[in-house]
């Protein structure tokens, strides 16, 4: 959600709201607040901007690492899912999280005004 020339995040083409829900949960705010930031209705707090920049950086590093590993494969391919629910529907035998671990809650230590 890097700011574009107007100081707002770039516009997205239509969507189901899943990204807003995920991002809101990650940041500890509602999906409505995320939409308000995207629409320029409210300014994006500095802490949120920094968190989004960090998320973009980590995502880029992860994707680069995957691409690097794929380059060494004879017939590379990547299968993606819209969310964890879709993944677990396709792979019901795989546990949601490793046994004996607590669910992660990134929002539990990040609260941004919004």
Foldseek 3Di string as FASTA:
>chain_A
DQADPVLADDDDPDDDLPVLCVLCQLQVHHSVVVVCRNVVVDPDDPVSNVVVVVVVVVVVVVVVVVVVVQVPDPDRDDDDDPDLVRVCVVVVVDDSDPPPDDDDRNNVPHYDDD
